[in-house]
C-alpha atoms as a PDB file:
ATOM      1  CA  MET A   1      14.519 -13.568 -20.120  1.00  0.00           C
ATOM      2  CA  GLU A   2      17.608 -10.985 -19.162  1.00  0.00           C
ATOM      3  CA  ASN A   3      16.941  -8.679 -16.880  1.00  0.00           C
ATOM      4  CA  LYS A   4      19.541  -5.649 -17.020  1.00  0.00           C
ATOM      5  CA  LYS A   5      18.666  -4.573 -13.393  1.00  0.00           C
ATOM      6  CA  ASN A   6      19.995  -6.145 -10.280  1.00  0.00           C
ATOM      7  CA  TYR A   7      17.486  -5.706  -7.815  1.00  0.00           C
ATOM      8  CA  TYR A   8      17.065  -7.764  -4.909  1.00  0.00           C
ATOM      9  CA  ALA A   9      13.680  -9.601  -3.530  1.00  0.00           C
ATOM     10  CA  ILE A  10      12.771  -9.069   0.137  1.00  0.00           C
ATOM     11  CA  ILE A  11       9.994 -11.500   1.732  1.00  0.00           C
ATOM     12  CA  PRO A  12       9.527 -10.038   5.095  1.00  0.00           C
ATOM     13  CA  ALA A  13       8.274 -12.007   8.147  1.00  0.00           C
ATOM     14  CA  PRO A  14       4.738 -11.922   7.885  1.00  0.00           C
ATOM     15  CA  VAL A  15       4.625 -13.564   4.513  1.00  0.00           C
ATOM     16  CA  ARG A  16       7.682 -15.877   4.970  1.00  0.00           C
ATOM     17  CA  TYR A  17       5.648 -17.617   8.141  1.00  0.00           C
ATOM     18  CA  SER A  18       1.835 -16.936   6.764  1.00  0.00           C
ATOM     19  CA  LYS A  19      -0.240 -19.995   6.725  1.00  0.00           C
ATOM     20  CA  LYS A  20      -2.504 -18.759   3.892  1.00  0.00           C
ATOM     21  CA  LEU A  21       0.343 -18.417   1.230  1.00  0.00           C
ATOM     22  CA  LYS A  22       1.765 -21.472  -0.670  1.00  0.00           C
ATOM     23  CA  ALA A  23       5.360 -21.473  -1.338  1.00  0.00           C
ATOM     24  CA  ASN A  24       4.827 -20.264  -5.162  1.00  0.00           C
ATOM     25  CA  GLU A  25       2.921 -17.359  -3.589  1.00  0.00           C
ATOM     26  CA  LYS A  26       5.601 -16.493  -1.145  1.00  0.00           C
ATOM     27  CA  LEU A  27       8.392 -16.575  -3.885  1.00  0.00           C
ATOM     28  CA  MET A  28       5.764 -13.968  -5.963  1.00  0.00           C
ATOM     29  CA  PHE A  29       5.857 -11.774  -3.644  1.00  0.00           C
ATOM     30  CA  GLY A  30       9.492 -11.807  -3.623  1.00  0.00           C
ATOM     31  CA  GLU A  31       9.438 -10.869  -7.106  1.00  0.00           C
ATOM     32  CA  LEU A  32       7.061  -8.201  -6.747  1.00  0.00           C
ATOM     33  CA  THR A  33       9.374  -6.392  -4.356  1.00  0.00           C
ATOM     34  CA  ALA A  34      11.723  -6.452  -6.959  1.00  0.00           C
ATOM     35  CA  LEU A  35       9.990  -5.384  -9.613  1.00  0.00           C
ATOM     36  CA  ALA A  36       8.362  -2.468  -7.533  1.00  0.00           C
ATOM     37  CA  ASN A  37      11.371  -1.185  -6.428  1.00  0.00           C
ATOM     38  CA  GLU A  38      12.030   1.471  -9.580  1.00  0.00           C
ATOM     39  CA  LYS A  39       8.519   2.978  -9.754  1.00  0.00           C
ATOM     40  CA  GLY A  40       6.620   1.998  -6.524  1.00  0.00           C
ATOM     41  CA  PHE A  41       4.698  -0.265  -7.978  1.00  0.00           C
ATOM     42  CA  CYS A  42       5.174  -3.768 -10.588  1.00  0.00           C
ATOM     43  CA  TYR A  43       3.150  -3.326 -13.661  1.00  0.00           C
ATOM     44  CA  ALA A  44       4.599  -6.667 -15.539  1.00  0.00           C
ATOM     45  CA  SER A  45       2.024  -8.891 -16.595  1.00  0.00           C
ATOM     46  CA  ASN A  46       0.853 -12.532 -15.649  1.00  0.00           C
ATOM     47  CA  ASP A  47       2.198 -13.534 -19.647  1.00  0.00           C
ATOM     48  CA  TYR A  48       5.880 -12.134 -18.166  1.00  0.00           C
ATOM     49  CA  PHE A  49       5.518 -14.464 -14.848  1.00  0.00           C
ATOM     50  CA  ALA A  50       4.239 -17.380 -16.500  1.00  0.00           C
ATOM     51  CA  ILE A  51       7.370 -17.267 -18.846  1.00  0.00           C
ATOM     52  CA  LEU A  52       9.458 -16.360 -15.751  1.00  0.00           C
ATOM     53  CA  TYR A  53       8.507 -19.402 -13.698  1.00  0.00           C
ATOM     54  CA  ASP A  54       7.719 -21.390 -16.493  1.00  0.00           C
ATOM     55  CA  VAL A  55       3.905 -22.079 -14.705  1.00  0.00           C
ATOM     56  CA  SER A  56       0.365 -21.134 -16.137  1.00  0.00           C
ATOM     57  CA  LYS A  57      -1.014 -17.653 -16.160  1.00  0.00           C
ATOM     58  CA  THR A  58      -4.065 -19.799 -14.192  1.00  0.00           C
ATOM     59  CA  SER A  59      -1.024 -20.121 -12.024  1.00  0.00           C
ATOM     60  CA  VAL A  60       0.076 -16.798 -11.593  1.00  0.00           C
ATOM     61  CA  SER A  61      -3.578 -14.880 -11.142  1.00  0.00           C
ATOM     62  CA  LYS A  62      -4.304 -17.125  -8.544  1.00  0.00           C
ATOM     63  CA  TRP A  63      -1.220 -16.468  -6.739  1.00  0.00           C
ATOM     64  CA  ILE A  64      -1.862 -12.770  -7.310  1.00  0.00           C
ATOM     65  CA  SER A  65      -5.426 -12.720  -6.524  1.00  0.00           C
ATOM     66  CA  ASN A  66      -4.286 -14.506  -2.957  1.00  0.00           C
ATOM     67  CA  LEU A  67      -1.653 -11.952  -1.895  1.00  0.00           C
ATOM     68  CA  GLU A  68      -4.472  -9.504  -2.570  1.00  0.00           C
ATOM     69  CA  LYS A  69      -7.069 -11.410  -0.543  1.00  0.00           C
ATOM     70  CA  ASN A  70      -4.549 -11.353   2.015  1.00  0.00           C
ATOM     71  CA  LYS A  71      -4.143  -7.792   1.767  1.00  0.00           C
ATOM     72  CA  PHE A  72       0.011  -8.837   1.091  1.00  0.00           C
ATOM     73  CA  ILE A  73      -0.439  -6.342  -2.111  1.00  0.00           C
ATOM     74  CA  ARG A  74      -2.960  -3.745  -3.437  1.00  0.00           C
ATOM     75  CA  LEU A  75      -4.297  -3.912  -7.238  1.00  0.00           C
ATOM     76  CA  LYS A  76      -4.756  -0.643  -9.187  1.00  0.00           C
ATOM     77  CA  MET A  77      -6.060  -0.770 -12.695  1.00  0.00           C
ATOM     78  CA  ILE A  78      -5.857   1.120 -15.230  1.00  0.00           C
ATOM     79  CA  TYR A  79      -8.319   2.311 -17.771  1.00  0.00           C
ATOM     80  CA  GLN A  80      -8.036   3.266 -21.477  1.00  0.00           C
ATOM     81  CA  LYS A  81      -9.708   6.747 -21.490  1.00  0.00           C
ATOM     82  CA  GLY A  82     -13.550   6.793 -22.015  1.00  0.00           C
ATOM     83  CA  THR A  83     -13.415   2.577 -21.663  1.00  0.00           C
ATOM     84  CA  LYS A  84     -13.510  -0.399 -19.583  1.00  0.00           C
ATOM     85  CA  GLN A  85     -10.874  -1.780 -20.979  1.00  0.00           C
ATOM     86  CA  ILE A  86      -7.736  -1.992 -18.875  1.00  0.00           C
ATOM     87  CA  LYS A  87      -4.401  -0.293 -19.846  1.00  0.00           C
ATOM     88  CA  GLU A  88      -2.186  -1.088 -17.430  1.00  0.00           C
ATOM     89  CA  ARG A  89      -2.369  -3.377 -13.787  1.00  0.00           C
ATOM     90  CA  ARG A  90      -0.175  -1.862 -11.166  1.00  0.00           C
ATOM     91  CA  ILE A  91       0.913  -3.810  -8.178  1.00  0.00           C
ATOM     92  CA  TYR A  92       1.859  -2.241  -5.138  1.00  0.00           C
ATOM     93  CA  ILE A  93       3.165  -3.802  -2.087  1.00  0.00           C
ATOM     94  CA  ALA A  94       0.994  -3.078   1.454  1.00  0.00           C
ATOM     95  CA  PRO A  95       2.542  -2.155   4.501  1.00  0.00           C
ATOM     96  CA  LEU A  96       2.992  -4.808   6.751  1.00  0.00           C
ATOM     97  CA  LEU A  97       2.196  -3.353  10.077  1.00  0.00           C
ATOM     98  CA  LYS A  98       1.283  -6.829  11.430  1.00  0.00           C
ATOM     99  CA  LYS A  99       1.628 -10.632  11.104  1.00  0.00           C
ATOM    100  CA  SER A 100      -0.738 -12.837   9.448  1.00  0.00           C
END
């Protein structure tokens, strides 16, 4: 995968030291911060992350779910007009006001 943009990842202390997150989830958070840099949210798919990290889409889904469960990220689904079909998933980095 070639990425022409040169964003850097940020993993703040509440994420780095969280006992509720596994190491790969912390890495995923950093990747999300890098990808959310341009538009304020990340829209990359689980397929993208699975290929990037050479893991299953199921692993990626679990990482993202746990980050959301612990309020480090927020997900917003954009649906096709008049349907329940997901057009786009947006992942926002949540403000980190307290330590976990």
